[in-house]
Amino acid sequence: MFGITFCIDTSLSLLYIFSFNGAPISLLERHRMCGEWFVLPAGEEAIHIFSADADRFIKLDKNTIRAKAINKNANGSFTTGAPGNTTDTAADQVDLLVFRPFQTWNMCSAVS
């Protein structure tokens, strides 16, 4: 039989709901995720983005970004355009889009 059981943790004074699979769910905590993206316009040499790992701004130059690009061709050009309507464009003619991996955290609320 499936059901919901409420349980109060007296040591932490938190209310948990145990669903049918027995996993505790905190009503005051939500999982959140975010990501960031940056554009290096054609003709620019580098961008600076903040790195939480280094706790400072780091420089990403165009050669570093181009080396890791997923749409780079063997001859150094880039495949651009919509699917089914692509063209090969010279590397110095394209804006470079950099995605930062998603960051996840638990956002907690307080009730007073």
N, C-alpha and C. Protein backbone atom coordinates (compact mmCIF):
# COMPACT_ATOMS: atom_id res chain seq x y z
N MET A 1 0.84 -1.17 0.00
CA MET A 1 0.00 0.00 0.00
C MET A 1 0.88 1.24 0.00
N PHE A 2 0.54 2.19 -0.84
CA PHE A 2 1.30 3.44 -0.91
C PHE A 2 0.66 4.46 0.01
N GLY A 3 1.51 5.25 0.64
CA GLY A 3 0.98 6.26 1.52
C GLY A 3 2.06 7.26 1.87
N ILE A 4 1.68 8.27 2.58
CA ILE A 4 2.62 9.29 3.02
C ILE A 4 2.62 9.31 4.53
N THR A 5 3.80 9.29 5.10
CA THR A 5 3.98 9.31 6.54
C THR A 5 4.77 10.56 6.92
N PHE A 6 4.32 11.27 7.93
CA PHE A 6 5.04 12.43 8.42
C PHE A 6 5.91 12.02 9.59
N CYS A 7 7.11 12.57 9.64
CA CYS A 7 8.04 12.25 10.72
C CYS A 7 8.72 13.54 11.15
N ILE A 8 8.78 13.78 12.45
CA ILE A 8 9.46 14.96 12.98
C ILE A 8 10.76 14.51 13.61
N ASP A 9 11.85 15.09 13.13
CA ASP A 9 13.17 14.82 13.69
C ASP A 9 13.35 15.76 14.87
N THR A 10 13.26 15.24 16.08
CA THR A 10 13.29 16.09 17.26
C THR A 10 14.67 16.70 17.51
N SER A 11 15.72 16.07 17.03
CA SER A 11 17.05 16.64 17.26
C SER A 11 17.29 17.87 16.41
N LEU A 12 16.68 17.94 15.22
CA LEU A 12 16.87 19.08 14.34
C LEU A 12 15.61 19.90 14.16
N SER A 13 14.52 19.43 14.70
CA SER A 13 13.21 20.09 14.58
C SER A 13 12.81 20.31 13.13
N LEU A 14 13.04 19.32 12.30
CA LEU A 14 12.65 19.40 10.89
C LEU A 14 11.54 18.41 10.62
N LEU A 15 10.66 18.80 9.73
CA LEU A 15 9.56 17.92 9.33
C LEU A 15 9.93 17.27 8.00
N TYR A 16 9.89 15.96 7.95
CA TYR A 16 10.16 15.22 6.73
C TYR A 16 8.91 14.47 6.31
N ILE A 17 8.73 14.34 5.02
CA ILE A 17 7.67 13.52 4.49
C ILE A 17 8.33 12.30 3.86
N PHE A 18 7.88 11.12 4.25
CA PHE A 18 8.38 9.90 3.64
C PHE A 18 7.37 9.46 2.61
N SER A 19 7.77 9.45 1.37
CA SER A 19 6.86 9.03 0.31
C SER A 19 6.87 7.51 0.22
N PHE A 20 6.24 6.98 -0.79
CA PHE A 20 6.09 5.54 -0.91
C PHE A 20 7.43 4.81 -1.00
N ASN A 21 8.50 5.50 -1.41
CA ASN A 21 9.79 4.80 -1.52
C ASN A 21 10.64 4.94 -0.25
N GLY A 22 10.16 5.65 0.74
CA GLY A 22 10.86 5.76 2.02
C GLY A 22 11.92 6.84 2.06
N ALA A 23 12.10 7.60 0.99
CA ALA A 23 13.12 8.65 0.98
C ALA A 23 12.60 9.90 1.68
N PRO A 24 13.38 10.49 2.58
CA PRO A 24 12.92 11.69 3.27
C PRO A 24 12.94 12.91 2.34
N ILE A 25 11.94 13.74 2.46
CA ILE A 25 11.83 14.96 1.67
C ILE A 25 11.65 16.12 2.64
N SER A 26 12.56 17.07 2.60
CA SER A 26 12.44 18.25 3.45
C SER A 26 11.58 19.29 2.74
N LEU A 27 10.56 19.78 3.42
CA LEU A 27 9.68 20.77 2.82
C LEU A 27 10.33 22.14 2.72
N LEU A 28 11.43 22.35 3.42
CA LEU A 28 12.10 23.64 3.44
C LEU A 28 13.36 23.67 2.57
N GLU A 29 13.60 22.63 1.82
CA GLU A 29 14.81 22.55 1.01
C GLU A 29 14.45 22.22 -0.43
N ARG A 30 15.06 22.97 -1.35
CA ARG A 30 14.81 22.74 -2.78
C ARG A 30 16.15 22.62 -3.51
N HIS A 31 16.22 21.72 -4.45
CA HIS A 31 17.43 21.57 -5.25
C HIS A 31 17.38 22.58 -6.39
N ARG A 32 18.47 23.31 -6.58
CA ARG A 32 18.55 24.33 -7.62
C ARG A 32 19.78 24.09 -8.48
N MET A 33 19.71 24.56 -9.72
CA MET A 33 20.81 24.39 -10.65
C MET A 33 20.90 25.64 -11.52
N CYS A 34 22.11 26.04 -11.85
CA CYS A 34 22.28 27.19 -12.74
C CYS A 34 23.50 26.96 -13.62
N GLY A 35 23.55 27.68 -14.69
CA GLY A 35 24.70 27.64 -15.59
C GLY A 35 24.92 29.03 -16.13
N GLU A 36 26.07 29.24 -16.73
CA GLU A 36 26.40 30.55 -17.27
C GLU A 36 26.97 30.37 -18.67
N TRP A 37 26.89 31.43 -19.45
CA TRP A 37 27.50 31.42 -20.77
C TRP A 37 28.12 32.79 -21.02
N PHE A 38 29.15 32.79 -21.83
CA PHE A 38 29.89 33.99 -22.16
C PHE A 38 30.16 34.01 -23.65
N VAL A 39 30.23 35.20 -24.22
CA VAL A 39 30.50 35.36 -25.65
C VAL A 39 31.82 36.11 -25.82
N LEU A 40 32.70 35.54 -26.64
CA LEU A 40 33.90 36.25 -27.07
C LEU A 40 33.64 36.67 -28.51
N PRO A 41 33.36 37.97 -28.73
CA PRO A 41 33.04 38.44 -30.08
C PRO A 41 34.22 38.26 -31.04
N ALA A 42 33.91 38.06 -32.31
CA ALA A 42 34.95 37.96 -33.33
C ALA A 42 35.82 39.22 -33.28
N GLY A 43 37.12 39.05 -33.36
CA GLY A 43 38.03 40.18 -33.33
C GLY A 43 38.60 40.47 -31.95
N GLU A 44 37.95 39.97 -30.89
CA GLU A 44 38.47 40.15 -29.53
C GLU A 44 39.50 39.06 -29.23
N GLU A 45 40.46 39.39 -28.37
CA GLU A 45 41.54 38.44 -28.06
C GLU A 45 41.23 37.53 -26.89
N ALA A 46 40.50 38.02 -25.87
CA ALA A 46 40.26 37.22 -24.66
C ALA A 46 39.09 37.78 -23.88
N ILE A 47 38.58 36.97 -22.95
CA ILE A 47 37.58 37.41 -21.98
C ILE A 47 38.07 36.99 -20.61
N HIS A 48 37.58 37.67 -19.59
CA HIS A 48 37.90 37.32 -18.21
C HIS A 48 36.60 36.90 -17.52
N ILE A 49 36.61 35.72 -16.92
CA ILE A 49 35.45 35.25 -16.19
C ILE A 49 35.87 34.89 -14.78
N PHE A 50 34.94 35.00 -13.83
CA PHE A 50 35.26 34.69 -12.44
C PHE A 50 35.27 33.19 -12.23
N SER A 51 36.32 32.69 -11.59
CA SER A 51 36.44 31.28 -11.27
C SER A 51 36.32 31.11 -9.76
N ALA A 52 35.31 30.36 -9.31
CA ALA A 52 35.15 30.09 -7.89
C ALA A 52 36.27 29.19 -7.39
N ASP A 53 36.79 28.33 -8.26
CA ASP A 53 37.89 27.45 -7.87
C ASP A 53 39.15 28.25 -7.56
N ALA A 54 39.45 29.25 -8.39
CA ALA A 54 40.65 30.07 -8.19
C ALA A 54 40.37 31.28 -7.31
N ASP A 55 39.09 31.60 -7.08
CA ASP A 55 38.66 32.76 -6.31
C ASP A 55 39.19 34.07 -6.90
N ARG A 56 39.17 34.14 -8.22
CA ARG A 56 39.61 35.34 -8.93
C ARG A 56 39.13 35.23 -10.38
N PHE A 57 39.29 36.34 -11.11
CA PHE A 57 38.98 36.31 -12.53
C PHE A 57 40.12 35.62 -13.28
N ILE A 58 39.75 34.77 -14.22
CA ILE A 58 40.76 34.11 -15.05
C ILE A 58 40.55 34.54 -16.50
N LYS A 59 41.65 34.50 -17.25
CA LYS A 59 41.62 34.92 -18.64
C LYS A 59 41.46 33.69 -19.54
N LEU A 60 40.49 33.77 -20.45
CA LEU A 60 40.32 32.76 -21.49
C LEU A 60 40.62 33.43 -22.82
N ASP A 61 41.73 33.02 -23.45
CA ASP A 61 42.04 33.63 -24.74
C ASP A 61 41.40 32.83 -25.86
N LYS A 62 41.33 33.46 -27.03
CA LYS A 62 40.60 32.85 -28.15
C LYS A 62 41.20 31.52 -28.58
N ASN A 63 42.51 31.36 -28.49
CA ASN A 63 43.13 30.10 -28.90
C ASN A 63 42.75 28.95 -27.97
N THR A 64 42.66 29.23 -26.68
CA THR A 64 42.25 28.21 -25.72
C THR A 64 40.80 27.79 -25.97
N ILE A 65 39.95 28.76 -26.22
CA ILE A 65 38.54 28.47 -26.48
C ILE A 65 38.38 27.71 -27.79
N ARG A 66 39.07 28.15 -28.83
CA ARG A 66 38.97 27.49 -30.14
C ARG A 66 39.46 26.04 -30.07
N ALA A 67 40.49 25.78 -29.28
CA ALA A 67 41.04 24.42 -29.18
C ALA A 67 40.03 23.44 -28.60
N LYS A 68 39.09 23.93 -27.78
CA LYS A 68 38.11 23.06 -27.14
C LYS A 68 36.74 23.12 -27.79
N ALA A 69 36.63 23.84 -28.90
CA ALA A 69 35.33 24.01 -29.57
C ALA A 69 34.85 22.69 -30.15
N ILE A 70 33.54 22.44 -30.03
CA ILE A 70 32.98 21.18 -30.55
C ILE A 70 32.56 21.28 -32.02
N ASN A 71 32.46 22.49 -32.55
CA ASN A 71 32.07 22.65 -33.95
C ASN A 71 33.25 23.07 -34.83
N LYS A 72 34.47 22.78 -34.37
CA LYS A 72 35.67 23.12 -35.12
C LYS A 72 35.98 22.02 -36.14
N ASN A 73 36.29 22.42 -37.34
CA ASN A 73 36.63 21.47 -38.41
C ASN A 73 38.13 21.18 -38.40
N ALA A 74 38.53 20.16 -39.11
CA ALA A 74 39.94 19.75 -39.16
C ALA A 74 40.84 20.85 -39.74
N ASN A 75 40.30 21.67 -40.63
CA ASN A 75 41.10 22.73 -41.25
C ASN A 75 41.12 24.02 -40.42
N GLY A 76 40.49 24.02 -39.23
CA GLY A 76 40.49 25.21 -38.36
C GLY A 76 39.29 26.11 -38.52
N SER A 77 38.47 25.86 -39.53
CA SER A 77 37.25 26.66 -39.68
C SER A 77 36.17 26.12 -38.74
N PHE A 78 35.05 26.82 -38.69
CA PHE A 78 33.96 26.41 -37.82
C PHE A 78 32.69 26.18 -38.63
N THR A 79 31.93 25.18 -38.27
CA THR A 79 30.64 24.93 -38.89
C THR A 79 29.62 25.82 -38.19
N THR A 80 28.97 26.69 -38.94
CA THR A 80 28.00 27.62 -38.38
C THR A 80 26.68 27.50 -39.13
N GLY A 81 25.62 28.02 -38.52
CA GLY A 81 24.31 28.03 -39.17
C GLY A 81 23.37 27.04 -38.54
N ALA A 82 22.14 27.10 -38.99
CA ALA A 82 21.08 26.21 -38.50
C ALA A 82 21.26 24.82 -39.09
N PRO A 83 20.77 23.78 -38.38
CA PRO A 83 20.85 22.43 -38.94
C PRO A 83 20.20 22.37 -40.33
N GLY A 84 20.87 21.73 -41.24
CA GLY A 84 20.37 21.65 -42.61
C GLY A 84 20.76 22.83 -43.47
N ASN A 85 21.33 23.86 -42.86
CA ASN A 85 21.74 25.05 -43.61
C ASN A 85 23.06 25.57 -43.03
N THR A 86 24.06 24.71 -42.99
CA THR A 86 25.33 25.08 -42.37
C THR A 86 26.36 25.52 -43.40
N THR A 87 27.29 26.32 -42.93
CA THR A 87 28.41 26.76 -43.77
C THR A 87 29.68 26.67 -42.94
N ASP A 88 30.82 26.61 -43.62
CA ASP A 88 32.11 26.66 -42.94
C ASP A 88 32.58 28.10 -42.93
N THR A 89 32.91 28.61 -41.74
CA THR A 89 33.30 30.00 -41.57
C THR A 89 34.69 30.05 -40.98
N ALA A 90 35.49 30.99 -41.45
CA ALA A 90 36.87 31.15 -40.95
C ALA A 90 36.84 31.46 -39.45
N ALA A 91 37.85 30.97 -38.74
CA ALA A 91 37.90 31.08 -37.29
C ALA A 91 37.86 32.53 -36.80
N ASP A 92 38.47 33.44 -37.52
CA ASP A 92 38.49 34.83 -37.07
C ASP A 92 37.20 35.59 -37.38
N GLN A 93 36.24 34.92 -37.99
CA GLN A 93 34.97 35.55 -38.36
C GLN A 93 33.80 35.15 -37.46
N VAL A 94 34.03 34.26 -36.49
CA VAL A 94 32.92 33.77 -35.67
C VAL A 94 33.03 34.25 -34.23
N ASP A 95 31.87 34.51 -33.62
CA ASP A 95 31.82 34.76 -32.18
C ASP A 95 31.94 33.40 -31.49
N LEU A 96 32.64 33.38 -30.37
CA LEU A 96 32.81 32.12 -29.63
C LEU A 96 31.93 32.14 -28.40
N LEU A 97 31.16 31.08 -28.22
CA LEU A 97 30.24 30.95 -27.10
C LEU A 97 30.82 29.94 -26.11
N VAL A 98 30.99 30.36 -24.86
CA VAL A 98 31.57 29.51 -23.82
C VAL A 98 30.49 29.20 -22.80
N PHE A 99 30.28 27.91 -22.53
CA PHE A 99 29.33 27.48 -21.50
C PHE A 99 30.09 27.03 -20.27
N ARG A 100 29.67 27.50 -19.11
CA ARG A 100 30.23 27.02 -17.85
C ARG A 100 29.33 25.88 -17.37
N PRO A 101 29.92 24.81 -16.87
CA PRO A 101 29.11 23.68 -16.39
C PRO A 101 28.11 24.13 -15.33
N PHE A 102 27.03 23.37 -15.24
CA PHE A 102 26.01 23.67 -14.26
C PHE A 102 26.54 23.53 -12.84
N GLN A 103 26.08 24.39 -11.98
CA GLN A 103 26.40 24.33 -10.57
C GLN A 103 25.11 23.97 -9.85
N THR A 104 25.17 23.06 -8.92
CA THR A 104 23.98 22.67 -8.17
C THR A 104 24.16 22.95 -6.68
N TRP A 105 23.07 23.25 -6.02
CA TRP A 105 23.11 23.48 -4.59
C TRP A 105 21.72 23.24 -4.02
N ASN A 106 21.65 23.14 -2.73
CA ASN A 106 20.37 23.01 -2.03
C ASN A 106 20.02 24.36 -1.45
N MET A 107 18.88 24.89 -1.81
CA MET A 107 18.41 26.17 -1.29
C MET A 107 17.45 25.89 -0.15
N CYS A 108 17.75 26.42 1.00
CA CYS A 108 16.92 26.17 2.18
C CYS A 108 16.16 27.42 2.57
N SER A 109 14.97 27.24 3.07
CA SER A 109 14.15 28.33 3.57
C SER A 109 13.99 28.20 5.07
N ALA A 110 13.71 29.29 5.68
CA ALA A 110 13.51 29.28 7.13
C ALA A 110 12.10 29.79 7.44
N VAL A 111 11.51 29.24 8.44
CA VAL A 111 10.19 29.67 8.91
C VAL A 111 10.37 30.23 10.31
N SER A 112 9.92 31.45 10.48
CA SER A 112 10.08 32.05 11.82
C SER A 112 8.75 32.27 12.48
